Amino acid sequence: MSGHDLYRAYQEGLAAAGEVGAVNPYVPGAPGTARALLANMWLRGRLKHALEVPDDT
């Protein structure tokens, strides 16, 4: 697994943030495995986009 793989998983999560029923393609993954790390990066990308607060000032 490379840094590119992690970045790709993160970007896929960002893209899925607007989809209500999006499913993490890397789950399930046993704790401590590369698949679990990719699942975590996907979730981080999804949550980052979902939690962004617009600047209204």
C-alpha atoms as a PDB file:
ATOM      1  CA  MET A   1       0.000   0.000   0.000  1.00  0.00           C
ATOM      2  CA  SER A   2       1.344   3.395  -0.951  1.00  0.00           C
ATOM      3  CA  GLY A   3       0.588   6.976  -0.050  1.00  0.00           C
ATOM      4  CA  HIS A   4      -1.323   7.162  -3.321  1.00  0.00           C
ATOM      5  CA  ASP A   5      -3.669   4.425  -2.092  1.00  0.00           C
ATOM      6  CA  LEU A   6      -4.383   6.359   1.097  1.00  0.00           C
ATOM      7  CA  TYR A   7      -4.966   9.577  -0.831  1.00  0.00           C
ATOM      8  CA  ARG A   8      -7.286   7.793  -3.269  1.00  0.00           C
ATOM      9  CA  ALA A   9      -9.346   6.322  -0.410  1.00  0.00           C
ATOM     10  CA  TYR A  10      -9.590   9.782   1.171  1.00  0.00           C
ATOM     11  CA  GLN A  11     -10.709  11.332  -2.124  1.00  0.00           C
ATOM     12  CA  GLU A  12     -13.289   8.583  -2.616  1.00  0.00           C
ATOM     13  CA  GLY A  13     -14.674   9.425   0.822  1.00  0.00           C
ATOM     14  CA  LEU A  14     -14.870  13.105  -0.090  1.00  0.00           C
ATOM     15  CA  ALA A  15     -16.751  12.233  -3.264  1.00  0.00           C
ATOM     16  CA  ALA A  16     -19.173  10.031  -1.323  1.00  0.00           C
ATOM     17  CA  ALA A  17     -19.978  12.719   1.241  1.00  0.00           C
ATOM     18  CA  GLY A  18     -22.973  13.910  -0.762  1.00  0.00           C
ATOM     19  CA  GLU A  19     -24.442  10.424  -1.097  1.00  0.00           C
ATOM     20  CA  VAL A  20     -26.768   9.559   1.758  1.00  0.00           C
ATOM     21  CA  GLY A  21     -26.501   5.799   1.397  1.00  0.00           C
ATOM     22  CA  ALA A  22     -22.806   5.609   0.487  1.00  0.00           C
ATOM     23  CA  VAL A  23     -21.074   2.465   1.675  1.00  0.00           C
ATOM     24  CA  ASN A  24     -17.407   2.362   2.597  1.00  0.00           C
ATOM     25  CA  PRO A  25     -15.888  -0.053   0.034  1.00  0.00           C
ATOM     26  CA  TYR A  26     -13.004  -0.956   2.370  1.00  0.00           C
ATOM     27  CA  VAL A  27     -15.128  -2.296   5.232  1.00  0.00           C
ATOM     28  CA  PRO A  28     -14.824  -4.823   6.773  1.00  0.00           C
ATOM     29  CA  GLY A  29     -11.154  -4.850   7.502  1.00  0.00           C
ATOM     30  CA  ALA A  30      -9.455  -6.574  10.391  1.00  0.00           C
ATOM     31  CA  PRO A  31      -7.927  -4.077  12.852  1.00  0.00           C
ATOM     32  CA  GLY A  32      -4.342  -3.232  12.020  1.00  0.00           C
ATOM     33  CA  THR A  33      -4.549  -4.277   8.371  1.00  0.00           C
ATOM     34  CA  ALA A  34      -4.030  -2.151   5.288  1.00  0.00           C
ATOM     35  CA  ARG A  35      -7.725  -2.529   4.443  1.00  0.00           C
ATOM     36  CA  ALA A  36      -8.715  -1.101   7.851  1.00  0.00           C
ATOM     37  CA  LEU A  37      -6.412   1.874   7.274  1.00  0.00           C
ATOM     38  CA  LEU A  38      -7.979   2.515   3.864  1.00  0.00           C
ATOM     39  CA  ALA A  39     -11.459   2.294   5.435  1.00  0.00           C
ATOM     40  CA  ASN A  40     -10.421   4.862   8.026  1.00  0.00           C
ATOM     41  CA  MET A  41      -9.068   7.230   5.363  1.00  0.00           C
ATOM     42  CA  TRP A  42     -12.312   6.905   3.366  1.00  0.00           C
ATOM     43  CA  LEU A  43     -14.300   7.761   6.489  1.00  0.00           C
ATOM     44  CA  ARG A  44     -12.055  10.753   7.236  1.00  0.00           C
ATOM     45  CA  GLY A  45     -12.643  12.123   3.751  1.00  0.00           C
ATOM     46  CA  ARG A  46     -16.386  11.675   4.061  1.00  0.00           C
ATOM     47  CA  LEU A  47     -16.576  13.282   7.500  1.00  0.00           C
ATOM     48  CA  LYS A  48     -14.321  16.195   6.593  1.00  0.00           C
ATOM     49  CA  HIS A  49     -16.632  17.217   3.785  1.00  0.00           C
ATOM     50  CA  ALA A  50     -19.771  16.596   5.848  1.00  0.00           C
ATOM     51  CA  LEU A  51     -18.513  18.646   8.800  1.00  0.00           C
ATOM     52  CA  GLU A  52     -17.205  21.671   6.911  1.00  0.00           C
ATOM     53  CA  VAL A  53     -18.940  24.818   8.095  1.00  0.00           C
ATOM     54  CA  PRO A  54     -19.412  27.519   5.466  1.00  0.00           C
ATOM     55  CA  ASP A  55     -17.895  30.901   6.199  1.00  0.00           C
ATOM     56  CA  ASP A  56     -20.814  33.368   6.268  1.00  0.00           C
ATOM     57  CA  THR A  57     -18.870  36.342   7.572  1.00  0.00           C
END
